[in-house]
Amino acid sequence: QPLSRYPPLINDISFWLPSETYSQNDFYDLVRTIGGDLIEKVV
């Protein structure tokens, strides 16, 4: 897959987790669903 030679933009997001069960994979899926191909990495 060809690599982009354009610079990245980095933004952070932080939040308190709900008391019930929370899965990091749900957040990763949410980010990729909204951001699509513009999302290079979520860490």
PDB file of all heavy atoms in Angstrom:
ATOM      1  N   GLN A   1       0.858  -1.178   0.000  1.00  0.00           N
ATOM      2  CA  GLN A   1       0.000   0.000   0.000  1.00  0.00           C
ATOM      3  C   GLN A   1       0.899   1.234   0.000  1.00  0.00           C
ATOM      4  O   GLN A   1       1.742   1.379   0.890  1.00  0.00           O
ATOM      5  CB  GLN A   1      -0.891   0.018   1.246  1.00  0.00           C
ATOM      6  CG  GLN A   1      -1.833  -1.166   1.354  1.00  0.00           C
ATOM      7  CD  GLN A   1      -2.859  -1.175   0.252  1.00  0.00           C
ATOM      8  OE1 GLN A   1      -3.410  -0.147  -0.111  1.00  0.00           O
ATOM      9  NE2 GLN A   1      -3.096  -2.345  -0.313  1.00  0.00           N
ATOM     10  N   PRO A   2       0.760   2.112  -0.973  1.00  0.00           N
ATOM     11  CA  PRO A   2       1.622   3.305  -1.041  1.00  0.00           C
ATOM     12  C   PRO A   2       1.513   4.148   0.223  1.00  0.00           C
ATOM     13  O   PRO A   2       0.452   4.230   0.843  1.00  0.00           O
ATOM     14  CB  PRO A   2       1.087   4.069  -2.247  1.00  0.00           C
ATOM     15  CG  PRO A   2       0.298   3.093  -3.024  1.00  0.00           C
ATOM     16  CD  PRO A   2      -0.199   2.061  -2.058  1.00  0.00           C
ATOM     17  N   LEU A   3       2.612   4.789   0.579  1.00  0.00           N
ATOM     18  CA  LEU A   3       2.677   5.622   1.769  1.00  0.00           C
ATOM     19  C   LEU A   3       2.471   7.085   1.396  1.00  0.00           C
ATOM     20  O   LEU A   3       2.911   7.537   0.346  1.00  0.00           O
ATOM     21  CB  LEU A   3       4.051   5.482   2.441  1.00  0.00           C
ATOM     22  CG  LEU A   3       4.489   4.066   2.778  1.00  0.00           C
ATOM     23  CD1 LEU A   3       5.909   4.082   3.294  1.00  0.00           C
ATOM     24  CD2 LEU A   3       3.561   3.465   3.800  1.00  0.00           C
ATOM     25  N   SER A   4       1.816   7.808   2.277  1.00  0.00           N
ATOM     26  CA  SER A   4       1.632   9.237   2.061  1.00  0.00           C
ATOM     27  C   SER A   4       2.925   9.962   2.424  1.00  0.00           C
ATOM     28  O   SER A   4       3.559   9.675   3.425  1.00  0.00           O
ATOM     29  CB  SER A   4       0.498   9.762   2.940  1.00  0.00           C
ATOM     30  OG  SER A   4       0.403  11.163   2.811  1.00  0.00           O
ATOM     31  N   ARG A   5       3.286  10.906   1.607  1.00  0.00           N
ATOM     32  CA  ARG A   5       4.489  11.695   1.898  1.00  0.00           C
ATOM     33  C   ARG A   5       4.128  13.041   2.525  1.00  0.00           C
ATOM     34  O   ARG A   5       4.964  13.890   2.746  1.00  0.00           O
ATOM     35  CB  ARG A   5       5.308  11.883   0.634  1.00  0.00           C
ATOM     36  CG  ARG A   5       4.574  12.565  -0.464  1.00  0.00           C
ATOM     37  CD  ARG A   5       5.453  12.754  -1.691  1.00  0.00           C
ATOM     38  NE  ARG A   5       4.745  13.572  -2.634  1.00  0.00           N
ATOM     39  CZ  ARG A   5       4.270  13.153  -3.786  1.00  0.00           C
ATOM     40  NH1 ARG A   5       4.471  11.920  -4.151  1.00  0.00           N
ATOM     41  NH2 ARG A   5       3.604  13.957  -4.573  1.00  0.00           N
ATOM     42  N   TYR A   6       2.837  13.217   2.809  1.00  0.00           N
ATOM     43  CA  TYR A   6       2.365  14.456   3.416  1.00  0.00           C
ATOM     44  C   TYR A   6       2.437  14.353   4.937  1.00  0.00           C
ATOM     45  O   TYR A   6       2.348  13.270   5.497  1.00  0.00           O
ATOM     46  CB  TYR A   6       0.943  14.754   2.948  1.00  0.00           C
ATOM     47  CG  TYR A   6       0.899  14.955   1.452  1.00  0.00           C
ATOM     48  CD1 TYR A   6       0.528  13.919   0.609  1.00  0.00           C
ATOM     49  CD2 TYR A   6       1.291  16.155   0.891  1.00  0.00           C
ATOM     50  CE1 TYR A   6       0.521  14.084  -0.761  1.00  0.00           C
ATOM     51  CE2 TYR A   6       1.293  16.327  -0.482  1.00  0.00           C
ATOM     52  CZ  TYR A   6       0.907  15.288  -1.306  1.00  0.00           C
ATOM     53  OH  TYR A   6       0.917  15.453  -2.664  1.00  0.00           O
ATOM     54  N   PRO A   7       2.608  15.493   5.608  1.00  0.00           N
ATOM     55  CA  PRO A   7       2.804  15.449   7.060  1.00  0.00           C
ATOM     56  C   PRO A   7       1.542  15.035   7.820  1.00  0.00           C
ATOM     57  O   PRO A   7       0.426  15.328   7.379  1.00  0.00           O
ATOM     58  CB  PRO A   7       3.192  16.894   7.409  1.00  0.00           C
ATOM     59  CG  PRO A   7       2.591  17.714   6.326  1.00  0.00           C
ATOM     60  CD  PRO A   7       2.632  16.858   5.084  1.00  0.00           C
ATOM     61  N   PRO A   8       1.731  14.362   8.955  1.00  0.00           N
ATOM     62  CA  PRO A   8       0.579  13.973   9.773  1.00  0.00           C
ATOM     63  C   PRO A   8       0.105  15.124  10.651  1.00  0.00           C
ATOM     64  O   PRO A   8       0.854  16.064  10.922  1.00  0.00           O
ATOM     65  CB  PRO A   8       1.146  12.852  10.630  1.00  0.00           C
ATOM     66  CG  PRO A   8       2.579  13.223  10.809  1.00  0.00           C
ATOM     67  CD  PRO A   8       2.986  13.858   9.501  1.00  0.00           C
ATOM     68  N   LEU A   9      -1.129  15.046  11.079  1.00  0.00           N
ATOM     69  CA  LEU A   9      -1.660  15.930  12.114  1.00  0.00           C
ATOM     70  C   LEU A   9      -2.005  15.041  13.301  1.00  0.00           C
ATOM     71  O   LEU A   9      -2.656  14.006  13.142  1.00  0.00           O
ATOM     72  CB  LEU A   9      -2.905  16.664  11.640  1.00  0.00           C
ATOM     73  CG  LEU A   9      -2.657  17.863  10.741  1.00  0.00           C
ATOM     74  CD1 LEU A   9      -3.967  18.454  10.263  1.00  0.00           C
ATOM     75  CD2 LEU A   9      -1.868  18.925  11.468  1.00  0.00           C
ATOM     76  N   ILE A  10      -1.566  15.444  14.473  1.00  0.00           N
ATOM     77  CA  ILE A  10      -1.729  14.618  15.668  1.00  0.00           C
ATOM     78  C   ILE A  10      -2.617  15.351  16.660  1.00  0.00           C
ATOM     79  O   ILE A  10      -2.344  16.488  17.022  1.00  0.00           O
ATOM     80  CB  ILE A  10      -0.355  14.303  16.293  1.00  0.00           C
ATOM     81  CG1 ILE A  10       0.495  13.543  15.283  1.00  0.00           C
ATOM     82  CG2 ILE A  10      -0.514  13.535  17.588  1.00  0.00           C
ATOM     83  CD1 ILE A  10       1.937  13.389  15.679  1.00  0.00           C
ATOM     84  N   ASN A  11      -3.688  14.678  17.082  1.00  0.00           N
ATOM     85  CA  ASN A  11      -4.582  15.210  18.103  1.00  0.00           C
ATOM     86  C   ASN A  11      -4.786  14.149  19.170  1.00  0.00           C
ATOM     87  O   ASN A  11      -4.849  12.959  18.863  1.00  0.00           O
ATOM     88  CB  ASN A  11      -5.937  15.593  17.509  1.00  0.00           C
ATOM     89  CG  ASN A  11      -5.865  16.842  16.663  1.00  0.00           C
ATOM     90  OD1 ASN A  11      -4.871  17.539  16.653  1.00  0.00           O
ATOM     91  ND2 ASN A  11      -6.929  17.125  15.945  1.00  0.00           N
ATOM     92  N   ASP A  12      -4.902  14.590  20.405  1.00  0.00           N
ATOM     93  CA  ASP A  12      -5.136  13.674  21.519  1.00  0.00           C
ATOM     94  C   ASP A  12      -6.572  13.828  22.020  1.00  0.00           C
ATOM     95  O   ASP A  12      -7.172  14.889  21.887  1.00  0.00           O
ATOM     96  CB  ASP A  12      -4.166  13.954  22.668  1.00  0.00           C
ATOM     97  CG  ASP A  12      -2.718  13.677  22.296  1.00  0.00           C
ATOM     98  OD1 ASP A  12      -2.490  12.959  21.307  1.00  0.00           O
ATOM     99  OD2 ASP A  12      -1.817  14.166  22.998  1.00  0.00           O
ATOM    100  N   ILE A  13      -7.074  12.761  22.591  1.00  0.00           N
ATOM    101  CA  ILE A  13      -8.407  12.779  23.189  1.00  0.00           C
ATOM    102  C   ILE A  13      -8.335  12.010  24.501  1.00  0.00           C
ATOM    103  O   ILE A  13      -7.683  10.974  24.583  1.00  0.00           O
ATOM    104  CB  ILE A  13      -9.452  12.161  22.237  1.00  0.00           C
ATOM    105  CG1 ILE A  13     -10.855  12.235  22.828  1.00  0.00           C
ATOM    106  CG2 ILE A  13      -9.105  10.733  21.872  1.00  0.00           C
ATOM    107  CD1 ILE A  13     -11.949  11.839  21.855  1.00  0.00           C
ATOM    108  N   SER A  14      -8.966  12.556  25.527  1.00  0.00           N
ATOM    109  CA  SER A  14      -8.938  11.870  26.815  1.00  0.00           C
ATOM    110  C   SER A  14     -10.319  11.936  27.449  1.00  0.00           C
ATOM    111  O   SER A  14     -11.049  12.906  27.265  1.00  0.00           O
ATOM    112  CB  SER A  14      -7.848  12.508  27.668  1.00  0.00           C
ATOM    113  OG  SER A  14      -8.278  13.089  28.791  1.00  0.00           O
ATOM    114  N   PHE A  15     -10.676  10.875  28.157  1.00  0.00           N
ATOM    115  CA  PHE A  15     -12.001  10.797  28.760  1.00  0.00           C
ATOM    116  C   PHE A  15     -11.992   9.813  29.916  1.00  0.00           C
ATOM    117  O   PHE A  15     -11.132   8.947  30.009  1.00  0.00           O
ATOM    118  CB  PHE A  15     -13.064  10.388  27.726  1.00  0.00           C
ATOM    119  CG  PHE A  15     -12.681   9.232  26.849  1.00  0.00           C
ATOM    120  CD1 PHE A  15     -12.754   7.926  27.297  1.00  0.00           C
ATOM    121  CD2 PHE A  15     -12.235   9.461  25.561  1.00  0.00           C
ATOM    122  CE1 PHE A  15     -12.405   6.871  26.477  1.00  0.00           C
ATOM    123  CE2 PHE A  15     -11.883   8.407  24.729  1.00  0.00           C
ATOM    124  CZ  PHE A  15     -11.977   7.114  25.187  1.00  0.00           C
ATOM    125  N   TRP A  16     -12.989   9.999  30.808  1.00  0.00           N
ATOM    126  CA  TRP A  16     -13.210   9.065  31.906  1.00  0.00           C
ATOM    127  C   TRP A  16     -14.028   7.903  31.369  1.00  0.00           C
ATOM    128  O   TRP A  16     -15.004   8.101  30.653  1.00  0.00           O
ATOM    129  CB  TRP A  16     -13.952   9.731  33.055  1.00  0.00           C
ATOM    130  CG  TRP A  16     -13.203  10.838  33.711  1.00  0.00           C
ATOM    131  CD1 TRP A  16     -13.444  12.174  33.595  1.00  0.00           C
ATOM    132  CD2 TRP A  16     -12.086  10.721  34.590  1.00  0.00           C
ATOM    133  NE1 TRP A  16     -12.549  12.889  34.333  1.00  0.00           N
ATOM    134  CE2 TRP A  16     -11.694  12.023  34.972  1.00  0.00           C
ATOM    135  CE3 TRP A  16     -11.363   9.641  35.099  1.00  0.00           C
ATOM    136  CZ2 TRP A  16     -10.633  12.273  35.820  1.00  0.00           C
ATOM    137  CZ3 TRP A  16     -10.303   9.897  35.952  1.00  0.00           C
ATOM    138  CH2 TRP A  16      -9.950  11.195  36.311  1.00  0.00           C
ATOM    139  N   LEU A  17     -13.653   6.699  31.736  1.00  0.00           N
ATOM    140  CA  LEU A  17     -14.364   5.511  31.288  1.00  0.00           C
ATOM    141  C   LEU A  17     -15.657   5.338  32.071  1.00  0.00           C
ATOM    142  O   LEU A  17     -15.737   5.720  33.237  1.00  0.00           O
ATOM    143  CB  LEU A  17     -13.499   4.266  31.469  1.00  0.00           C
ATOM    144  CG  LEU A  17     -12.149   4.268  30.764  1.00  0.00           C
ATOM    145  CD1 LEU A  17     -11.445   2.935  30.982  1.00  0.00           C
ATOM    146  CD2 LEU A  17     -12.297   4.541  29.292  1.00  0.00           C
ATOM    147  N   PRO A  18     -16.679   4.760  31.446  1.00  0.00           N
ATOM    148  CA  PRO A  18     -17.925   4.496  32.175  1.00  0.00           C
ATOM    149  C   PRO A  18     -17.704   3.380  33.190  1.00  0.00           C
ATOM    150  O   PRO A  18     -16.782   2.586  33.073  1.00  0.00           O
ATOM    151  CB  PRO A  18     -18.901   4.056  31.077  1.00  0.00           C
ATOM    152  CG  PRO A  18     -18.034   3.557  29.975  1.00  0.00           C
ATOM    153  CD  PRO A  18     -16.748   4.332  30.057  1.00  0.00           C
ATOM    154  N   SER A  19     -18.567   3.325  34.184  1.00  0.00           N
ATOM    155  CA  SER A  19     -18.398   2.316  35.231  1.00  0.00           C
ATOM    156  C   SER A  19     -18.672   0.913  34.704  1.00  0.00           C
ATOM    157  O   SER A  19     -18.098  -0.057  35.181  1.00  0.00           O
ATOM    158  CB  SER A  19     -19.319   2.625  36.418  1.00  0.00           C
ATOM    159  OG  SER A  19     -20.646   2.724  35.973  1.00  0.00           O
ATOM    160  N   GLU A  20     -19.555   0.789  33.710  1.00  0.00           N
ATOM    161  CA  GLU A  20     -19.797  -0.534  33.139  1.00  0.00           C
ATOM    162  C   GLU A  20     -18.658  -0.899  32.184  1.00  0.00           C
ATOM    163  O   GLU A  20     -17.700  -0.165  32.043  1.00  0.00           O
ATOM    164  CB  GLU A  20     -21.165  -0.613  32.454  1.00  0.00           C
ATOM    165  CG  GLU A  20     -21.440   0.399  31.392  1.00  0.00           C
ATOM    166  CD  GLU A  20     -22.065   1.699  31.906  1.00  0.00           C
ATOM    167  OE1 GLU A  20     -22.253   1.889  33.109  1.00  0.00           O
ATOM    168  OE2 GLU A  20     -22.329   2.533  31.058  1.00  0.00           O
ATOM    169  N   THR A  21     -18.788  -2.010  31.536  1.00  0.00           N
ATOM    170  CA  THR A  21     -17.705  -2.517  30.703  1.00  0.00           C
ATOM    171  C   THR A  21     -17.409  -1.577  29.544  1.00  0.00           C
ATOM    172  O   THR A  21     -18.309  -1.024  28.912  1.00  0.00           O
ATOM    173  CB  THR A  21     -18.049  -3.911  30.146  1.00  0.00           C
ATOM    174  OG1 THR A  21     -19.223  -3.817  29.362  1.00  0.00           O
ATOM    175  CG2 THR A  21     -18.222  -4.919  31.265  1.00  0.00           C
ATOM    176  N   TYR A  22     -16.129  -1.430  29.278  1.00  0.00           N
ATOM    177  CA  TYR A  22     -15.642  -0.579  28.185  1.00  0.00           C
ATOM    178  C   TYR A  22     -14.583  -1.375  27.433  1.00  0.00           C
ATOM    179  O   TYR A  22     -13.737  -2.011  28.040  1.00  0.00           O
ATOM    180  CB  TYR A  22     -15.035   0.714  28.748  1.00  0.00           C
ATOM    181  CG  TYR A  22     -14.221   1.484  27.732  1.00  0.00           C
ATOM    182  CD1 TYR A  22     -14.837   2.334  26.827  1.00  0.00           C
ATOM    183  CD2 TYR A  22     -12.843   1.334  27.674  1.00  0.00           C
ATOM    184  CE1 TYR A  22     -14.095   3.029  25.891  1.00  0.00           C
ATOM    185  CE2 TYR A  22     -12.095   2.035  26.742  1.00  0.00           C
ATOM    186  CZ  TYR A  22     -12.727   2.875  25.856  1.00  0.00           C
ATOM    187  OH  TYR A  22     -11.990   3.564  24.930  1.00  0.00           O
ATOM    188  N   SER A  23     -14.624  -1.326  26.129  1.00  0.00           N
ATOM    189  CA  SER A  23     -13.642  -2.031  25.316  1.00  0.00           C
ATOM    190  C   SER A  23     -12.884  -1.025  24.453  1.00  0.00           C
ATOM    191  O   SER A  23     -13.501  -0.197  23.770  1.00  0.00           O
ATOM    192  CB  SER A  23     -14.335  -3.061  24.419  1.00  0.00           C
ATOM    193  OG  SER A  23     -13.427  -3.587  23.493  1.00  0.00           O
ATOM    194  N   GLN A  24     -11.565  -1.102  24.485  1.00  0.00           N
ATOM    195  CA  GLN A  24     -10.752  -0.219  23.652  1.00  0.00           C
ATOM    196  C   GLN A  24     -11.076  -0.432  22.184  1.00  0.00           C
ATOM    197  O   GLN A  24     -11.055   0.524  21.403  1.00  0.00           O
ATOM    198  CB  GLN A  24      -9.272  -0.489  23.886  1.00  0.00           C
ATOM    199  CG  GLN A  24      -8.758  -0.042  25.217  1.00  0.00           C
ATOM    200  CD  GLN A  24      -7.270  -0.316  25.347  1.00  0.00           C
ATOM    201  OE1 GLN A  24      -6.543  -0.403  24.370  1.00  0.00           O
ATOM    202  NE2 GLN A  24      -6.807  -0.445  26.576  1.00  0.00           N
ATOM    203  N   ASN A  25     -11.376  -1.673  21.809  1.00  0.00           N
ATOM    204  CA  ASN A  25     -11.681  -1.962  20.408  1.00  0.00           C
ATOM    205  C   ASN A  25     -12.922  -1.212  19.929  1.00  0.00           C
ATOM    206  O   ASN A  25     -12.997  -0.825  18.763  1.00  0.00           O
ATOM    207  CB  ASN A  25     -11.861  -3.462  20.188  1.00  0.00           C
ATOM    208  CG  ASN A  25     -10.547  -4.191  20.285  1.00  0.00           C
ATOM    209  OD1 ASN A  25      -9.486  -3.630  20.045  1.00  0.00           O
ATOM    210  ND2 ASN A  25     -10.613  -5.462  20.652  1.00  0.00           N
ATOM    211  N   ASP A  26     -13.883  -0.986  20.821  1.00  0.00           N
ATOM    212  CA  ASP A  26     -15.060  -0.204  20.443  1.00  0.00           C
ATOM    213  C   ASP A  26     -14.657   1.230  20.094  1.00  0.00           C
ATOM    214  O   ASP A  26     -15.182   1.819  19.147  1.00  0.00           O
ATOM    215  CB  ASP A  26     -16.099  -0.191  21.565  1.00  0.00           C
ATOM    216  CG  ASP A  26     -16.753  -1.541  21.770  1.00  0.00           C
ATOM    217  OD1 ASP A  26     -16.690  -2.384  20.851  1.00  0.00           O
ATOM    218  OD2 ASP A  26     -17.319  -1.758  22.867  1.00  0.00           O
ATOM    219  N   PHE A  27     -13.732   1.790  20.874  1.00  0.00           N
ATOM    220  CA  PHE A  27     -13.265   3.146  20.581  1.00  0.00           C
ATOM    221  C   PHE A  27     -12.494   3.171  19.268  1.00  0.00           C
ATOM    222  O   PHE A  27     -12.692   4.067  18.443  1.00  0.00           O
ATOM    223  CB  PHE A  27     -12.404   3.689  21.722  1.00  0.00           C
ATOM    224  CG  PHE A  27     -11.896   5.077  21.455  1.00  0.00           C
ATOM    225  CD1 PHE A  27     -12.766   6.157  21.457  1.00  0.00           C
ATOM    226  CD2 PHE A  27     -10.564   5.301  21.169  1.00  0.00           C
ATOM    227  CE1 PHE A  27     -12.309   7.436  21.186  1.00  0.00           C
ATOM    228  CE2 PHE A  27     -10.100   6.575  20.901  1.00  0.00           C
ATOM    229  CZ  PHE A  27     -10.978   7.648  20.907  1.00  0.00           C
ATOM    230  N   TYR A  28     -11.612   2.198  19.050  1.00  0.00           N
ATOM    231  CA  TYR A  28     -10.861   2.133  17.794  1.00  0.00           C
ATOM    232  C   TYR A  28     -11.813   2.044  16.598  1.00  0.00           C
ATOM    233  O   TYR A  28     -11.614   2.725  15.581  1.00  0.00           O
ATOM    234  CB  TYR A  28      -9.904   0.939  17.784  1.00  0.00           C
ATOM    235  CG  TYR A  28      -8.796   1.001  18.804  1.00  0.00           C
ATOM    236  CD1 TYR A  28      -8.343  -0.142  19.440  1.00  0.00           C
ATOM    237  CD2 TYR A  28      -8.184   2.201  19.138  1.00  0.00           C
ATOM    238  CE1 TYR A  28      -7.322  -0.099  20.372  1.00  0.00           C
ATOM    239  CE2 TYR A  28      -7.173   2.259  20.076  1.00  0.00           C
ATOM    240  CZ  TYR A  28      -6.742   1.104  20.693  1.00  0.00           C
ATOM    241  OH  TYR A  28      -5.733   1.160  21.614  1.00  0.00           O
ATOM    242  N   ASP A  29     -12.839   1.213  16.703  1.00  0.00           N
ATOM    243  CA  ASP A  29     -13.817   1.078  15.627  1.00  0.00           C
ATOM    244  C   ASP A  29     -14.557   2.389  15.376  1.00  0.00           C
ATOM    245  O   ASP A  29     -14.790   2.780  14.229  1.00  0.00           O
ATOM    246  CB  ASP A  29     -14.836  -0.019  15.944  1.00  0.00           C
ATOM    247  CG  ASP A  29     -14.258  -1.416  15.851  1.00  0.00           C
ATOM    248  OD1 ASP A  29     -13.193  -1.584  15.221  1.00  0.00           O
ATOM    249  OD2 ASP A  29     -14.872  -2.355  16.406  1.00  0.00           O
ATOM    250  N   LEU A  30     -14.935   3.067  16.457  1.00  0.00           N
ATOM    251  CA  LEU A  30     -15.634   4.336  16.341  1.00  0.00           C
ATOM    252  C   LEU A  30     -14.776   5.360  15.603  1.00  0.00           C
ATOM    253  O   LEU A  30     -15.245   6.044  14.696  1.00  0.00           O
ATOM    254  CB  LEU A  30     -16.009   4.845  17.737  1.00  0.00           C
ATOM    255  CG  LEU A  30     -16.734   6.170  17.763  1.00  0.00           C
ATOM    256  CD1 LEU A  30     -18.094   5.984  18.422  1.00  0.00           C
ATOM    257  CD2 LEU A  30     -15.931   7.188  18.534  1.00  0.00           C
ATOM    258  N   VAL A  31     -13.496   5.448  15.982  1.00  0.00           N
ATOM    259  CA  VAL A  31     -12.578   6.410  15.348  1.00  0.00           C
ATOM    260  C   VAL A  31     -12.429   6.099  13.866  1.00  0.00           C
ATOM    261  O   VAL A  31     -12.512   6.988  13.014  1.00  0.00           O
ATOM    262  CB  VAL A  31     -11.207   6.393  16.051  1.00  0.00           C
ATOM    263  CG1 VAL A  31     -10.183   7.199  15.262  1.00  0.00           C
ATOM    264  CG2 VAL A  31     -11.327   6.937  17.464  1.00  0.00           C
ATOM    265  N   ARG A  32     -12.229   4.837  13.531  1.00  0.00           N
ATOM    266  CA  ARG A  32     -12.043   4.458  12.123  1.00  0.00           C
ATOM    267  C   ARG A  32     -13.329   4.628  11.310  1.00  0.00           C
ATOM    268  O   ARG A  32     -13.273   4.951  10.129  1.00  0.00           O
ATOM    269  CB  ARG A  32     -11.538   3.037  12.027  1.00  0.00           C
ATOM    270  CG  ARG A  32     -10.198   2.876  12.703  1.00  0.00           C
ATOM    271  CD  ARG A  32      -9.213   2.146  11.852  1.00  0.00           C
ATOM    272  NE  ARG A  32      -7.959   1.949  12.567  1.00  0.00           N
ATOM    273  CZ  ARG A  32      -6.884   2.691  12.364  1.00  0.00           C
ATOM    274  NH1 ARG A  32      -6.900   3.646  11.497  1.00  0.00           N
ATOM    275  NH2 ARG A  32      -5.779   2.443  13.042  1.00  0.00           N
ATOM    276  N   THR A  33     -14.480   4.428  11.929  1.00  0.00           N
ATOM    277  CA  THR A  33     -15.747   4.624  11.231  1.00  0.00           C
ATOM    278  C   THR A  33     -15.948   6.099  10.881  1.00  0.00           C
ATOM    279  O   THR A  33     -16.356   6.425   9.769  1.00  0.00           O
ATOM    280  CB  THR A  33     -16.925   4.133  12.100  1.00  0.00           C
ATOM    281  OG1 THR A  33     -16.745   2.739  12.357  1.00  0.00           O
ATOM    282  CG2 THR A  33     -18.256   4.356  11.413  1.00  0.00           C
ATOM    283  N   ILE A  34     -15.648   6.981  11.810  1.00  0.00           N
ATOM    284  CA  ILE A  34     -15.849   8.409  11.582  1.00  0.00           C
ATOM    285  C   ILE A  34     -14.742   8.996  10.708  1.00  0.00           C
ATOM    286  O   ILE A  34     -15.003   9.747   9.777  1.00  0.00           O
ATOM    287  CB  ILE A  34     -15.932   9.169  12.927  1.00  0.00           C
ATOM    288  CG1 ILE A  34     -17.187   8.722  13.665  1.00  0.00           C
ATOM    289  CG2 ILE A  34     -15.944  10.674  12.707  1.00  0.00           C
ATOM    290  CD1 ILE A  34     -17.278   9.216  15.077  1.00  0.00           C
ATOM    291  N   GLY A  35     -13.489   8.658  11.000  1.00  0.00           N
ATOM    292  CA  GLY A  35     -12.356   9.258  10.287  1.00  0.00           C
ATOM    293  C   GLY A  35     -12.005   8.587   8.979  1.00  0.00           C
ATOM    294  O   GLY A  35     -11.364   9.189   8.118  1.00  0.00           O
ATOM    295  N   GLY A  36     -12.388   7.332   8.817  1.00  0.00           N
ATOM    296  CA  GLY A  36     -12.120   6.620   7.571  1.00  0.00           C
ATOM    297  C   GLY A  36     -10.640   6.509   7.239  1.00  0.00           C
ATOM    298  O   GLY A  36      -9.810   6.243   8.111  1.00  0.00           O
ATOM    299  N   ASP A  37     -10.310   6.760   5.980  1.00  0.00           N
ATOM    300  CA  ASP A  37      -8.936   6.619   5.509  1.00  0.00           C
ATOM    301  C   ASP A  37      -8.009   7.721   6.003  1.00  0.00           C
ATOM    302  O   ASP A  37      -6.796   7.637   5.816  1.00  0.00           O
ATOM    303  CB  ASP A  37      -8.900   6.589   3.979  1.00  0.00           C
ATOM    304  CG  ASP A  37      -9.500   5.312   3.424  1.00  0.00           C
ATOM    305  OD1 ASP A  37      -9.578   4.318   4.181  1.00  0.00           O
ATOM    306  OD2 ASP A  37      -9.885   5.305   2.241  1.00  0.00           O
ATOM    307  N   LEU A  38      -8.551   8.754   6.624  1.00  0.00           N
ATOM    308  CA  LEU A  38      -7.694   9.825   7.144  1.00  0.00           C
ATOM    309  C   LEU A  38      -7.008   9.425   8.445  1.00  0.00           C
ATOM    310  O   LEU A  38      -6.051  10.059   8.865  1.00  0.00           O
ATOM    311  CB  LEU A  38      -8.511  11.099   7.372  1.00  0.00           C
ATOM    312  CG  LEU A  38      -9.116  11.732   6.122  1.00  0.00           C
ATOM    313  CD1 LEU A  38      -9.867  13.001   6.500  1.00  0.00           C
ATOM    314  CD2 LEU A  38      -8.052  12.027   5.085  1.00  0.00           C
ATOM    315  N   ILE A  39      -7.488   8.371   9.086  1.00  0.00           N
ATOM    316  CA  ILE A  39      -6.903   7.902  10.335  1.00  0.00           C
ATOM    317  C   ILE A  39      -5.744   6.976  10.006  1.00  0.00           C
ATOM    318  O   ILE A  39      -5.918   5.937   9.403  1.00  0.00           O
ATOM    319  CB  ILE A  39      -7.928   7.144  11.206  1.00  0.00           C
ATOM    320  CG1 ILE A  39      -9.164   7.991  11.461  1.00  0.00           C
ATOM    321  CG2 ILE A  39      -7.284   6.677  12.515  1.00  0.00           C
ATOM    322  CD1 ILE A  39      -8.920   9.251  12.235  1.00  0.00           C
ATOM    323  N   GLU A  40      -4.556   7.386  10.404  1.00  0.00           N
ATOM    324  CA  GLU A  40      -3.385   6.536  10.180  1.00  0.00           C
ATOM    325  C   GLU A  40      -3.133   5.616  11.364  1.00  0.00           C
ATOM    326  O   GLU A  40      -2.794   4.450  11.197  1.00  0.00           O
ATOM    327  CB  GLU A  40      -2.149   7.397   9.937  1.00  0.00           C
ATOM    328  CG  GLU A  40      -0.913   6.597   9.658  1.00  0.00           C
ATOM    329  CD  GLU A  40       0.260   7.468   9.295  1.00  0.00           C
ATOM    330  OE1 GLU A  40       0.244   8.062   8.204  1.00  0.00           O
ATOM    331  OE2 GLU A  40       1.192   7.568  10.120  1.00  0.00           O
ATOM    332  N   LYS A  41      -3.314   6.164  12.569  1.00  0.00           N
ATOM    333  CA  LYS A  41      -2.994   5.371  13.750  1.00  0.00           C
ATOM    334  C   LYS A  41      -3.766   5.896  14.955  1.00  0.00           C
ATOM    335  O   LYS A  41      -3.978   7.096  15.095  1.00  0.00           O
ATOM    336  CB  LYS A  41      -1.491   5.464  14.012  1.00  0.00           C
ATOM    337  CG  LYS A  41      -1.009   4.605  15.131  1.00  0.00           C
ATOM    338  CD  LYS A  41       0.499   4.565  15.384  1.00  0.00           C
ATOM    339  CE  LYS A  41       1.383   5.520  14.699  1.00  0.00           C
ATOM    340  NZ  LYS A  41       2.777   5.433  15.141  1.00  0.00           N
ATOM    341  N   VAL A  42      -4.166   4.975  15.829  1.00  0.00           N
ATOM    342  CA  VAL A  42      -4.782   5.317  17.112  1.00  0.00           C
ATOM    343  C   VAL A  42      -4.029   4.534  18.176  1.00  0.00           C
ATOM    344  O   VAL A  42      -3.923   3.318  18.093  1.00  0.00           O
ATOM    345  CB  VAL A  42      -6.280   4.931  17.153  1.00  0.00           C
ATOM    346  CG1 VAL A  42      -6.903   5.353  18.477  1.00  0.00           C
ATOM    347  CG2 VAL A  42      -7.034   5.544  15.993  1.00  0.00           C
ATOM    348  N   VAL A  43      -3.492   5.250  19.170  1.00  0.00           N
ATOM    349  CA  VAL A  43      -2.657   4.614  20.192  1.00  0.00           C
ATOM    350  C   VAL A  43      -3.096   5.069  21.574  1.00  0.00           C
ATOM    351  O   VAL A  43      -3.329   6.260  21.794  1.00  0.00           O
ATOM    352  CB  VAL A  43      -1.170   5.001  19.990  1.00  0.00           C
ATOM    353  CG1 VAL A  43      -0.300   4.392  21.055  1.00  0.00           C
ATOM    354  CG2 VAL A  43      -0.684   4.610  18.618  1.00  0.00           C
TER     355      VAL A  43
END
